[in-house]
Amino acid sequence: MIWLTWRQFRGQALVALVALGALAIYLVVLGLQLRSAYDTNVGCTACSVESGTQLLKDKYFSVLLLTGFLIILIPAVIGAFWGAPLIARELEAGTHRLVWNQSITRTRWLAVKLSFVTLAALAFTGALSLLFTWAASPYDRALNDRFDPLFFPTRNLAPLGYAVFAVVAGIAIGLLAKRTVIAMAVTLAVFTAIQVLMPTVIRPHLQPAITENVQFTAGDAHGMWLDQTGKVSVEGYDVPGAWMLTNQATLVDSTGAQPDKATAESCFNGDFEKDKACLEALNLHSTLTYQPADRYWTFQWLEFGIYLLLALLLAGYAFWRIPRGLS
């Protein structure tokens, strides 16, 4: 059964190996370039860390963003082109009957196919995730923003969870749909929907956020405005390495009340630096909500575990379904 599965899968495996080789060369070159740029602009003793970090961001943000999209896209492609056709194609063509009429049980047939392709997807995605994490590490070290929703799902453990889920989801959907093209389309749609829901709805609540009352300082604000009621709002607060859940904050005094409207208006004269200094002198505070930097690996493991649990539930459905209702 393993030999038969390999014979059916070897064409896809060969394409994957060629793609892996090409991507590995690209990621190694990218990693060496990033290390050279980091040493030149950030890591040297005479370097200005702030300006060097900005240079690194300007030069490599788009490159890493596009490469990261590719890392996220690969599990979706694997699920659609490896997982979905694995069972659906056999059910559609009727070739499964030849195996089932021999000594191979349906459960063993599914177990071998599912295990073989899932392990292949895990190895392929794991190699790419490892290489990309290594390549991007100088950038991540300089920017110190690993929770960025555009970068978090492209490094370390998270892509492995996506790959396992995508393959098993494709197999389960193929069992249900029994049509290859339909199974591929539904697999892509399901994977995309979950990838949208995870960072927007689920991930922020995997751990209770920290809420902190902090004093306003002029260096905190990248933007600020005053509304008609006298409420002062600022944006740009940042805790190093943390995932900031507060997009903007309202400034209040020590009692929790907003400053007097006339007093607040006196600090808005059109000179941004002087306006910030004026607000700082008023001894104002704001409430910040964030996930601290030291929870990064906790979030990686939690997200990996969620996708693994979903994959196990779908695999359980597939093993329940395969002896029933199929001929």
C-alpha atoms as a PDB file:
ATOM      1  CA  MET A   1       0.000   0.000   0.000  1.00  0.00           C
ATOM      2  CA  ILE A   2       2.872   2.377   0.788  1.00  0.00           C
ATOM      3  CA  TRP A   3       4.515   1.547  -2.554  1.00  0.00           C
ATOM      4  CA  LEU A   4       1.251   2.185  -4.397  1.00  0.00           C
ATOM      5  CA  THR A   5       0.793   5.524  -2.635  1.00  0.00           C
ATOM      6  CA  TRP A   6       4.341   6.509  -3.519  1.00  0.00           C
ATOM      7  CA  ARG A   7       3.819   5.615  -7.186  1.00  0.00           C
ATOM      8  CA  GLN A   8       0.699   7.783  -7.281  1.00  0.00           C
ATOM      9  CA  PHE A   9       2.392  10.649  -5.463  1.00  0.00           C
ATOM     10  CA  ARG A  10       5.906  10.620  -6.933  1.00  0.00           C
ATOM     11  CA  GLY A  11       5.139  13.160  -9.690  1.00  0.00           C
ATOM     12  CA  GLN A  12       3.928  15.702  -7.149  1.00  0.00           C
ATOM     13  CA  ALA A  13       6.878  14.879  -4.885  1.00  0.00           C
ATOM     14  CA  LEU A  14       9.355  15.530  -7.697  1.00  0.00           C
ATOM     15  CA  VAL A  15       7.772  18.924  -8.459  1.00  0.00           C
ATOM     16  CA  ALA A  16       7.872  19.762  -4.740  1.00  0.00           C
ATOM     17  CA  LEU A  17      11.564  18.843  -4.478  1.00  0.00           C
ATOM     18  CA  VAL A  18      12.469  21.026  -7.456  1.00  0.00           C
ATOM     19  CA  ALA A  19      10.456  23.918  -6.017  1.00  0.00           C
ATOM     20  CA  LEU A  20      12.020  23.396  -2.591  1.00  0.00           C
ATOM     21  CA  GLY A  21      15.505  23.481  -4.102  1.00  0.00           C
ATOM     22  CA  ALA A  22      14.820  26.728  -5.967  1.00  0.00           C
ATOM     23  CA  LEU A  23      13.208  28.390  -2.942  1.00  0.00           C
ATOM     24  CA  ALA A  24      16.016  27.199  -0.660  1.00  0.00           C
ATOM     25  CA  ILE A  25      18.627  28.875  -2.887  1.00  0.00           C
ATOM     26  CA  TYR A  26      16.602  32.088  -2.937  1.00  0.00           C
ATOM     27  CA  LEU A  27      16.129  32.090   0.860  1.00  0.00           C
ATOM     28  CA  VAL A  28      19.806  31.411   1.543  1.00  0.00           C
ATOM     29  CA  VAL A  29      20.803  34.318  -0.725  1.00  0.00           C
ATOM     30  CA  LEU A  30      18.183  36.548   0.919  1.00  0.00           C
ATOM     31  CA  GLY A  31      19.402  35.577   4.390  1.00  0.00           C
ATOM     32  CA  LEU A  32      23.026  36.369   3.544  1.00  0.00           C
ATOM     33  CA  GLN A  33      22.025  39.736   2.061  1.00  0.00           C
ATOM     34  CA  LEU A  34      20.011  40.596   5.167  1.00  0.00           C
ATOM     35  CA  ARG A  35      22.908  39.682   7.451  1.00  0.00           C
ATOM     36  CA  SER A  36      25.280  41.840   5.452  1.00  0.00           C
ATOM     37  CA  ALA A  37      22.822  44.765   5.525  1.00  0.00           C
ATOM     38  CA  TYR A  38      22.276  44.301   9.269  1.00  0.00           C
ATOM     39  CA  ASP A  39      26.002  44.262  10.045  1.00  0.00           C
ATOM     40  CA  THR A  40      26.572  47.345   7.873  1.00  0.00           C
ATOM     41  CA  ASN A  41      23.652  49.469   9.069  1.00  0.00           C
ATOM     42  CA  VAL A  42      22.619  48.231  12.519  1.00  0.00           C
ATOM     43  CA  GLY A  43      25.192  45.914  14.085  1.00  0.00           C
ATOM     44  CA  CYS A  44      28.349  48.020  13.804  1.00  0.00           C
ATOM     45  CA  THR A  45      29.607  50.078  16.757  1.00  0.00           C
ATOM     46  CA  ALA A  46      29.446  53.370  14.834  1.00  0.00           C
ATOM     47  CA  CYS A  47      25.959  52.745  13.462  1.00  0.00           C
ATOM     48  CA  SER A  48      22.831  54.673  14.346  1.00  0.00           C
ATOM     49  CA  VAL A  49      20.447  51.877  15.309  1.00  0.00           C
ATOM     50  CA  GLU A  50      17.343  53.921  14.568  1.00  0.00           C
ATOM     51  CA  SER A  51      18.376  55.072  11.091  1.00  0.00           C
ATOM     52  CA  GLY A  52      19.927  51.687  10.269  1.00  0.00           C
ATOM     53  CA  THR A  53      16.723  49.914  11.241  1.00  0.00           C
ATOM     54  CA  GLN A  54      14.712  52.269   9.041  1.00  0.00           C
ATOM     55  CA  LEU A  55      17.064  51.593   6.105  1.00  0.00           C
ATOM     56  CA  LEU A  56      16.632  47.850   6.655  1.00  0.00           C
ATOM     57  CA  LYS A  57      12.855  48.246   6.733  1.00  0.00           C
ATOM     58  CA  ASP A  58      12.761  50.421   3.610  1.00  0.00           C
ATOM     59  CA  LYS A  59      14.876  47.962   1.632  1.00  0.00           C
ATOM     60  CA  TYR A  60      13.525  44.591   2.755  1.00  0.00           C
ATOM     61  CA  PHE A  61       9.952  45.077   4.021  1.00  0.00           C
ATOM     62  CA  SER A  62       8.326  44.447   0.624  1.00  0.00           C
ATOM     63  CA  VAL A  63      10.646  41.525  -0.158  1.00  0.00           C
ATOM     64  CA  LEU A  64       9.895  39.791   3.140  1.00  0.00           C
ATOM     65  CA  LEU A  65       6.191  40.572   2.853  1.00  0.00           C
ATOM     66  CA  LEU A  66       5.912  38.969  -0.595  1.00  0.00           C
ATOM     67  CA  THR A  67       8.024  35.987   0.454  1.00  0.00           C
ATOM     68  CA  GLY A  68       5.847  35.611   3.542  1.00  0.00           C
ATOM     69  CA  PHE A  69       2.718  35.562   1.389  1.00  0.00           C
ATOM     70  CA  LEU A  70       4.316  32.717  -0.545  1.00  0.00           C
ATOM     71  CA  ILE A  71       4.984  30.800   2.689  1.00  0.00           C
ATOM     72  CA  ILE A  72       1.303  31.180   3.655  1.00  0.00           C
ATOM     73  CA  LEU A  73       0.125  30.324   0.135  1.00  0.00           C
ATOM     74  CA  ILE A  74       2.073  27.061  -0.011  1.00  0.00           C
ATOM     75  CA  PRO A  75      -0.080  25.213   2.594  1.00  0.00           C
ATOM     76  CA  ALA A  76      -3.193  26.324   0.700  1.00  0.00           C
ATOM     77  CA  VAL A  77      -1.770  25.004  -2.575  1.00  0.00           C
ATOM     78  CA  ILE A  78      -0.693  21.768  -0.899  1.00  0.00           C
ATOM     79  CA  GLY A  79      -4.157  21.283   0.562  1.00  0.00           C
ATOM     80  CA  ALA A  80      -5.859  21.946  -2.777  1.00  0.00           C
ATOM     81  CA  PHE A  81      -3.487  20.006  -5.039  1.00  0.00           C
ATOM     82  CA  TRP A  82      -2.277  17.244  -2.720  1.00  0.00           C
ATOM     83  CA  GLY A  83      -5.036  16.749  -0.174  1.00  0.00           C
ATOM     84  CA  ALA A  84      -8.250  17.398  -2.106  1.00  0.00           C
ATOM     85  CA  PRO A  85      -7.543  15.090  -5.090  1.00  0.00           C
ATOM     86  CA  LEU A  86      -6.062  12.312  -2.955  1.00  0.00           C
ATOM     87  CA  ILE A  87      -9.401  10.630  -2.265  1.00  0.00           C
ATOM     88  CA  ALA A  88     -11.780  12.624  -4.481  1.00  0.00           C
ATOM     89  CA  ARG A  89      -9.927  11.645  -7.667  1.00  0.00           C
ATOM     90  CA  GLU A  90     -10.135   7.926  -6.815  1.00  0.00           C
ATOM     91  CA  LEU A  91     -13.816   8.169  -5.893  1.00  0.00           C
ATOM     92  CA  GLU A  92     -14.549  10.125  -9.052  1.00  0.00           C
ATOM     93  CA  ALA A  93     -12.721   7.643 -11.310  1.00  0.00           C
ATOM     94  CA  GLY A  94     -13.846   4.552  -9.389  1.00  0.00           C
ATOM     95  CA  THR A  95     -10.284   3.222  -8.984  1.00  0.00           C
ATOM     96  CA  HIS A  96     -10.795   2.832  -5.219  1.00  0.00           C
ATOM     97  CA  ARG A  97     -12.905  -0.284  -5.841  1.00  0.00           C
ATOM     98  CA  LEU A  98      -9.891  -2.190  -7.164  1.00  0.00           C
ATOM     99  CA  VAL A  99      -8.044  -1.740  -3.868  1.00  0.00           C
ATOM    100  CA  TRP A 100     -11.063  -2.307  -1.654  1.00  0.00           C
ATOM    101  CA  ASN A 101     -11.852  -5.621  -3.379  1.00  0.00           C
ATOM    102  CA  GLN A 102      -8.455  -6.952  -2.362  1.00  0.00           C
ATOM    103  CA  SER A 103      -7.074  -7.496   1.130  1.00  0.00           C
ATOM    104  CA  ILE A 104      -6.659  -3.788   1.933  1.00  0.00           C
ATOM    105  CA  THR A 105      -9.301  -2.428   4.295  1.00  0.00           C
ATOM    106  CA  ARG A 106     -10.784   0.994   3.672  1.00  0.00           C
ATOM    107  CA  THR A 107      -9.392   2.294   6.961  1.00  0.00           C
ATOM    108  CA  ARG A 108      -5.866   1.126   6.175  1.00  0.00           C
ATOM    109  CA  TRP A 109      -6.144   2.550   2.652  1.00  0.00           C
ATOM    110  CA  LEU A 110      -7.080   5.962   4.057  1.00  0.00           C
ATOM    111  CA  ALA A 111      -4.530   5.805   6.896  1.00  0.00           C
ATOM    112  CA  VAL A 112      -1.605   5.163   4.551  1.00  0.00           C
ATOM    113  CA  LYS A 113      -2.636   7.842   2.074  1.00  0.00           C
ATOM    114  CA  LEU A 114      -3.371  10.443   4.737  1.00  0.00           C
ATOM    115  CA  SER A 115      -0.167   9.764   6.696  1.00  0.00           C
ATOM    116  CA  PHE A 116       2.081   9.706   3.625  1.00  0.00           C
ATOM    117  CA  VAL A 117       0.888  12.977   2.132  1.00  0.00           C
ATOM    118  CA  THR A 118       0.563  14.770   5.488  1.00  0.00           C
ATOM    119  CA  LEU A 119       4.151  13.886   6.419  1.00  0.00           C
ATOM    120  CA  ALA A 120       5.345  15.043   2.988  1.00  0.00           C
ATOM    121  CA  ALA A 121       3.496  18.356   3.406  1.00  0.00           C
ATOM    122  CA  LEU A 122       4.885  18.748   6.917  1.00  0.00           C
ATOM    123  CA  ALA A 123       8.459  18.137   5.735  1.00  0.00           C
ATOM    124  CA  PHE A 124       8.142  20.498   2.761  1.00  0.00           C
ATOM    125  CA  THR A 125       6.525  23.327   4.715  1.00  0.00           C
ATOM    126  CA  GLY A 126       8.788  22.802   7.716  1.00  0.00           C
ATOM    127  CA  ALA A 127      11.911  23.144   5.560  1.00  0.00           C
ATOM    128  CA  LEU A 128      10.625  26.378   4.008  1.00  0.00           C
ATOM    129  CA  SER A 129       9.530  27.791   7.374  1.00  0.00           C
ATOM    130  CA  LEU A 130      12.932  26.989   8.896  1.00  0.00           C
ATOM    131  CA  LEU A 131      14.788  28.615   6.001  1.00  0.00           C
ATOM    132  CA  PHE A 132      12.574  31.706   5.945  1.00  0.00           C
ATOM    133  CA  THR A 133      12.785  32.137   9.735  1.00  0.00           C
ATOM    134  CA  TRP A 134      16.578  31.962   9.474  1.00  0.00           C
ATOM    135  CA  ALA A 135      16.697  34.337   6.497  1.00  0.00           C
ATOM    136  CA  ALA A 136      14.442  36.954   8.121  1.00  0.00           C
ATOM    137  CA  SER A 137      16.000  36.781  11.615  1.00  0.00           C
ATOM    138  CA  PRO A 138      18.250  39.897  11.208  1.00  0.00           C
ATOM    139  CA  TYR A 139      15.226  41.922  10.113  1.00  0.00           C
ATOM    140  CA  ASP A 140      13.116  40.562  12.969  1.00  0.00           C
ATOM    141  CA  ARG A 141      15.894  41.296  15.455  1.00  0.00           C
ATOM    142  CA  ALA A 142      16.217  44.880  14.259  1.00  0.00           C
ATOM    143  CA  LEU A 143      12.482  45.660  14.028  1.00  0.00           C
ATOM    144  CA  ASN A 144      11.535  43.662  17.144  1.00  0.00           C
ATOM    145  CA  ASP A 145       7.972  43.199  15.904  1.00  0.00           C
ATOM    146  CA  ARG A 146       7.442  39.440  15.571  1.00  0.00           C
ATOM    147  CA  PHE A 147       3.740  39.797  16.417  1.00  0.00           C
ATOM    148  CA  ASP A 148       3.123  41.795  13.238  1.00  0.00           C
ATOM    149  CA  PRO A 149       0.034  40.083  11.692  1.00  0.00           C
ATOM    150  CA  LEU A 150       1.770  40.066   8.299  1.00  0.00           C
ATOM    151  CA  PHE A 151       4.848  38.267   9.669  1.00  0.00           C
ATOM    152  CA  PHE A 152       3.626  36.124  12.593  1.00  0.00           C
ATOM    153  CA  PRO A 153       2.042  33.380  10.411  1.00  0.00           C
ATOM    154  CA  THR A 154       5.119  33.019   8.182  1.00  0.00           C
ATOM    155  CA  ARG A 155       7.720  31.949  10.732  1.00  0.00           C
ATOM    156  CA  ASN A 156       8.516  29.081  13.095  1.00  0.00           C
ATOM    157  CA  LEU A 157       5.659  26.668  14.008  1.00  0.00           C
ATOM    158  CA  ALA A 158       2.573  28.345  12.569  1.00  0.00           C
ATOM    159  CA  PRO A 159       3.100  27.330   8.884  1.00  0.00           C
ATOM    160  CA  LEU A 160       3.447  23.669   9.935  1.00  0.00           C
ATOM    161  CA  GLY A 161       0.003  23.777  11.527  1.00  0.00           C
ATOM    162  CA  TYR A 162      -1.422  25.369   8.385  1.00  0.00           C
ATOM    163  CA  ALA A 163       0.062  22.619   6.196  1.00  0.00           C
ATOM    164  CA  VAL A 164      -1.276  19.736   8.300  1.00  0.00           C
ATOM    165  CA  PHE A 165      -4.719  21.305   8.479  1.00  0.00           C
ATOM    166  CA  ALA A 166      -4.834  22.081   4.744  1.00  0.00           C
ATOM    167  CA  VAL A 167      -3.967  18.522   3.702  1.00  0.00           C
ATOM    168  CA  VAL A 168      -6.401  16.837   6.081  1.00  0.00           C
ATOM    169  CA  ALA A 169      -9.123  19.360   5.233  1.00  0.00           C
ATOM    170  CA  GLY A 170      -8.598  18.626   1.540  1.00  0.00           C
ATOM    171  CA  ILE A 171      -8.895  14.894   2.153  1.00  0.00           C
ATOM    172  CA  ALA A 172     -12.052  15.247   4.275  1.00  0.00           C
ATOM    173  CA  ILE A 173     -13.648  17.639   1.771  1.00  0.00           C
ATOM    174  CA  GLY A 174     -12.736  15.256  -1.054  1.00  0.00           C
ATOM    175  CA  LEU A 175     -14.472  12.413   0.760  1.00  0.00           C
ATOM    176  CA  LEU A 176     -17.565  14.540   1.103  1.00  0.00           C
ATOM    177  CA  ALA A 177     -17.596  16.128  -2.366  1.00  0.00           C
ATOM    178  CA  LYS A 178     -16.373  13.104  -4.398  1.00  0.00           C
ATOM    179  CA  ARG A 179     -15.438  15.548  -7.183  1.00  0.00           C
ATOM    180  CA  THR A 180     -11.853  16.692  -7.552  1.00  0.00           C
ATOM    181  CA  VAL A 181     -12.384  20.229  -8.846  1.00  0.00           C
ATOM    182  CA  ILE A 182     -15.124  20.964  -6.323  1.00  0.00           C
ATOM    183  CA  ALA A 183     -12.986  19.596  -3.488  1.00  0.00           C
ATOM    184  CA  MET A 184     -10.029  21.758  -4.548  1.00  0.00           C
ATOM    185  CA  ALA A 185     -12.137  24.916  -4.720  1.00  0.00           C
ATOM    186  CA  VAL A 186     -13.832  24.296  -1.365  1.00  0.00           C
ATOM    187  CA  THR A 187     -10.478  23.502   0.287  1.00  0.00           C
ATOM    188  CA  LEU A 188      -9.029  26.820  -0.887  1.00  0.00           C
ATOM    189  CA  ALA A 189     -12.137  28.684   0.288  1.00  0.00           C
ATOM    190  CA  VAL A 190     -12.133  27.039   3.733  1.00  0.00           C
ATOM    191  CA  PHE A 191      -8.397  27.599   4.237  1.00  0.00           C
ATOM    192  CA  THR A 192      -8.689  31.263   3.204  1.00  0.00           C
ATOM    193  CA  ALA A 193     -11.649  31.870   5.516  1.00  0.00           C
ATOM    194  CA  ILE A 194      -9.843  30.420   8.529  1.00  0.00           C
ATOM    195  CA  GLN A 195      -6.681  32.376   7.710  1.00  0.00           C
ATOM    196  CA  VAL A 196      -8.748  35.562   7.802  1.00  0.00           C
ATOM    197  CA  LEU A 197     -10.592  34.649  11.002  1.00  0.00           C
ATOM    198  CA  MET A 198      -7.490  33.597  12.929  1.00  0.00           C
ATOM    199  CA  PRO A 199      -5.661  36.974  13.173  1.00  0.00           C
ATOM    200  CA  THR A 200      -8.797  39.106  13.316  1.00  0.00           C
ATOM    201  CA  VAL A 201     -11.111  37.151  15.627  1.00  0.00           C
ATOM    202  CA  ILE A 202      -9.285  34.269  17.330  1.00  0.00           C
ATOM    203  CA  ARG A 203      -5.588  35.105  17.856  1.00  0.00           C
ATOM    204  CA  PRO A 204      -6.087  38.314  19.899  1.00  0.00           C
ATOM    205  CA  HIS A 205      -8.040  36.318  22.504  1.00  0.00           C
ATOM    206  CA  LEU A 206      -5.790  33.262  22.866  1.00  0.00           C
ATOM    207  CA  GLN A 207      -4.329  34.873  26.007  1.00  0.00           C
ATOM    208  CA  PRO A 208      -5.850  37.564  28.260  1.00  0.00           C
ATOM    209  CA  ALA A 209      -4.402  40.893  27.151  1.00  0.00           C
ATOM    210  CA  ILE A 210      -2.487  43.148  29.520  1.00  0.00           C
ATOM    211  CA  THR A 211      -4.117  46.506  30.245  1.00  0.00           C
ATOM    212  CA  GLU A 212      -1.861  49.224  31.547  1.00  0.00           C
ATOM    213  CA  ASN A 213      -2.274  52.867  32.527  1.00  0.00           C
ATOM    214  CA  VAL A 214       0.734  54.871  31.306  1.00  0.00           C
ATOM    215  CA  GLN A 215       1.732  58.505  31.514  1.00  0.00           C
ATOM    216  CA  PHE A 216       1.832  60.388  28.223  1.00  0.00           C
ATOM    217  CA  THR A 217       5.250  61.566  27.052  1.00  0.00           C
ATOM    218  CA  ALA A 218       6.030  63.573  23.941  1.00  0.00           C
ATOM    219  CA  GLY A 219       7.953  60.676  22.378  1.00  0.00           C
ATOM    220  CA  ASP A 220       4.913  58.370  22.509  1.00  0.00           C
ATOM    221  CA  ALA A 221       2.725  60.049  19.910  1.00  0.00           C
ATOM    222  CA  HIS A 222       3.097  59.743  16.157  1.00  0.00           C
ATOM    223  CA  GLY A 223      -0.207  61.504  15.639  1.00  0.00           C
ATOM    224  CA  MET A 224      -2.794  63.275  17.780  1.00  0.00           C
ATOM    225  CA  TRP A 225      -6.043  65.167  17.341  1.00  0.00           C
ATOM    226  CA  LEU A 226      -8.684  67.061  19.282  1.00  0.00           C
ATOM    227  CA  ASP A 227     -12.404  66.567  18.712  1.00  0.00           C
ATOM    228  CA  GLN A 228     -15.210  69.075  19.279  1.00  0.00           C
ATOM    229  CA  THR A 229     -15.830  67.931  22.845  1.00  0.00           C
ATOM    230  CA  GLY A 230     -12.212  68.517  23.870  1.00  0.00           C
ATOM    231  CA  LYS A 231     -11.247  64.829  23.895  1.00  0.00           C
ATOM    232  CA  VAL A 232      -7.565  64.346  22.998  1.00  0.00           C
ATOM    233  CA  SER A 233      -6.667  61.167  21.111  1.00  0.00           C
ATOM    234  CA  VAL A 234      -3.181  59.983  20.211  1.00  0.00           C
ATOM    235  CA  GLU A 235      -1.773  57.122  18.144  1.00  0.00           C
ATOM    236  CA  GLY A 236       1.645  55.560  17.970  1.00  0.00           C
ATOM    237  CA  TYR A 237       2.048  54.031  21.421  1.00  0.00           C
ATOM    238  CA  ASP A 238       4.414  51.095  21.339  1.00  0.00           C
ATOM    239  CA  VAL A 239       5.718  48.565  23.875  1.00  0.00           C
ATOM    240  CA  PRO A 240       8.937  47.042  22.448  1.00  0.00           C
ATOM    241  CA  GLY A 241       8.259  43.656  20.865  1.00  0.00           C
ATOM    242  CA  ALA A 242       4.626  43.585  22.008  1.00  0.00           C
ATOM    243  CA  TRP A 243       1.479  43.133  19.974  1.00  0.00           C
ATOM    244  CA  MET A 244      -0.353  46.415  20.487  1.00  0.00           C
ATOM    245  CA  LEU A 245      -4.121  45.892  20.607  1.00  0.00           C
ATOM    246  CA  THR A 246      -4.730  49.585  21.284  1.00  0.00           C
ATOM    247  CA  ASN A 247      -4.725  51.402  17.949  1.00  0.00           C
ATOM    248  CA  GLN A 248      -5.297  54.771  19.540  1.00  0.00           C
ATOM    249  CA  ALA A 249      -5.642  56.044  23.071  1.00  0.00           C
ATOM    250  CA  THR A 250      -7.614  58.802  24.781  1.00  0.00           C
ATOM    251  CA  LEU A 251      -5.698  61.053  27.171  1.00  0.00           C
ATOM    252  CA  VAL A 252      -7.187  61.622  30.625  1.00  0.00           C
ATOM    253  CA  ASP A 253      -5.949  63.198  33.854  1.00  0.00           C
ATOM    254  CA  SER A 254      -5.073  61.361  37.058  1.00  0.00           C
ATOM    255  CA  THR A 255      -8.774  61.161  38.043  1.00  0.00           C
ATOM    256  CA  GLY A 256      -9.749  59.538  34.744  1.00  0.00           C
ATOM    257  CA  ALA A 257     -11.460  62.629  33.369  1.00  0.00           C
ATOM    258  CA  GLN A 258     -10.592  64.256  30.085  1.00  0.00           C
ATOM    259  CA  PRO A 259      -8.777  67.596  30.382  1.00  0.00           C
ATOM    260  CA  ASP A 260     -10.659  70.842  30.308  1.00  0.00           C
ATOM    261  CA  LYS A 261     -11.574  71.733  26.715  1.00  0.00           C
ATOM    262  CA  ALA A 262      -9.968  75.169  26.842  1.00  0.00           C
ATOM    263  CA  THR A 263      -6.771  73.731  28.320  1.00  0.00           C
ATOM    264  CA  ALA A 264      -6.614  71.006  25.662  1.00  0.00           C
ATOM    265  CA  GLU A 265      -7.271  73.503  22.864  1.00  0.00           C
ATOM    266  CA  SER A 266      -4.404  75.669  24.085  1.00  0.00           C
ATOM    267  CA  CYS A 267      -1.999  72.825  23.278  1.00  0.00           C
ATOM    268  CA  PHE A 268      -3.019  72.608  19.614  1.00  0.00           C
ATOM    269  CA  ASN A 269      -1.262  75.423  17.806  1.00  0.00           C
ATOM    270  CA  GLY A 270      -0.036  73.697  14.655  1.00  0.00           C
ATOM    271  CA  ASP A 271       3.536  72.920  15.797  1.00  0.00           C
ATOM    272  CA  PHE A 272       3.513  69.162  16.389  1.00  0.00           C
ATOM    273  CA  GLU A 273       6.582  69.002  18.639  1.00  0.00           C
ATOM    274  CA  LYS A 274       5.493  71.952  20.793  1.00  0.00           C
ATOM    275  CA  ASP A 275       1.940  70.596  20.962  1.00  0.00           C
ATOM    276  CA  LYS A 276       3.220  67.254  22.262  1.00  0.00           C
ATOM    277  CA  ALA A 277       5.404  68.973  24.858  1.00  0.00           C
ATOM    278  CA  CYS A 278       2.410  71.032  25.987  1.00  0.00           C
ATOM    279  CA  LEU A 279       0.282  67.898  26.474  1.00  0.00           C
ATOM    280  CA  GLU A 280       3.112  66.184  28.330  1.00  0.00           C
ATOM    281  CA  ALA A 281       3.222  69.077  30.793  1.00  0.00           C
ATOM    282  CA  LEU A 282      -0.443  68.456  31.655  1.00  0.00           C
ATOM    283  CA  ASN A 283       0.478  65.090  33.248  1.00  0.00           C
ATOM    284  CA  LEU A 284      -2.035  63.102  31.199  1.00  0.00           C
ATOM    285  CA  HIS A 285      -2.423  59.330  31.038  1.00  0.00           C
ATOM    286  CA  SER A 286      -3.874  56.714  28.705  1.00  0.00           C
ATOM    287  CA  THR A 287      -4.866  53.058  28.856  1.00  0.00           C
ATOM    288  CA  LEU A 288      -2.967  50.585  26.654  1.00  0.00           C
ATOM    289  CA  THR A 289      -3.957  47.022  25.842  1.00  0.00           C
ATOM    290  CA  TYR A 290      -1.330  44.636  24.438  1.00  0.00           C
ATOM    291  CA  GLN A 291       0.128  41.145  24.323  1.00  0.00           C
ATOM    292  CA  PRO A 292       3.703  41.248  25.683  1.00  0.00           C
ATOM    293  CA  ALA A 293       6.717  40.128  23.653  1.00  0.00           C
ATOM    294  CA  ASP A 294       7.478  37.157  25.917  1.00  0.00           C
ATOM    295  CA  ARG A 295       4.221  35.488  24.846  1.00  0.00           C
ATOM    296  CA  TYR A 296       5.364  35.072  21.251  1.00  0.00           C
ATOM    297  CA  TRP A 297       6.173  31.355  21.545  1.00  0.00           C
ATOM    298  CA  THR A 298       3.031  30.749  23.594  1.00  0.00           C
ATOM    299  CA  PHE A 299       0.995  32.170  20.710  1.00  0.00           C
ATOM    300  CA  GLN A 300       2.970  30.133  18.166  1.00  0.00           C
ATOM    301  CA  TRP A 301       2.272  26.902  20.049  1.00  0.00           C
ATOM    302  CA  LEU A 302      -1.376  27.798  20.649  1.00  0.00           C
ATOM    303  CA  GLU A 303      -1.991  28.574  16.981  1.00  0.00           C
ATOM    304  CA  PHE A 304      -0.149  25.425  15.896  1.00  0.00           C
ATOM    305  CA  GLY A 305      -2.224  23.432  18.389  1.00  0.00           C
ATOM    306  CA  ILE A 306      -5.518  24.885  17.138  1.00  0.00           C
ATOM    307  CA  TYR A 307      -4.776  23.922  13.538  1.00  0.00           C
ATOM    308  CA  LEU A 308      -3.544  20.495  14.649  1.00  0.00           C
ATOM    309  CA  LEU A 309      -6.756  19.961  16.642  1.00  0.00           C
ATOM    310  CA  LEU A 310      -8.866  20.954  13.624  1.00  0.00           C
ATOM    311  CA  ALA A 311      -6.862  18.523  11.501  1.00  0.00           C
ATOM    312  CA  LEU A 312      -7.404  15.709  14.020  1.00  0.00           C
ATOM    313  CA  LEU A 313     -11.163  16.383  14.087  1.00  0.00           C
ATOM    314  CA  LEU A 314     -11.311  16.298  10.279  1.00  0.00           C
ATOM    315  CA  ALA A 315      -9.210  13.131  10.205  1.00  0.00           C
ATOM    316  CA  GLY A 316     -11.605  11.580  12.708  1.00  0.00           C
ATOM    317  CA  TYR A 317     -14.501  12.484  10.425  1.00  0.00           C
ATOM    318  CA  ALA A 318     -12.695  10.949   7.449  1.00  0.00           C
ATOM    319  CA  PHE A 319     -12.071   7.663   9.273  1.00  0.00           C
ATOM    320  CA  TRP A 320     -15.693   7.613  10.418  1.00  0.00           C
ATOM    321  CA  ARG A 321     -16.922   8.370   6.907  1.00  0.00           C
ATOM    322  CA  ILE A 322     -14.766   5.981   4.866  1.00  0.00           C
ATOM    323  CA  PRO A 323     -16.509   2.725   5.911  1.00  0.00           C
ATOM    324  CA  ARG A 324     -19.954   4.287   5.468  1.00  0.00           C
ATOM    325  CA  GLY A 325     -21.810   5.509   2.440  1.00  0.00           C
ATOM    326  CA  LEU A 326     -19.042   4.913  -0.107  1.00  0.00           C
ATOM    327  CA  SER A 327     -19.058   2.174  -2.706  1.00  0.00           C
END
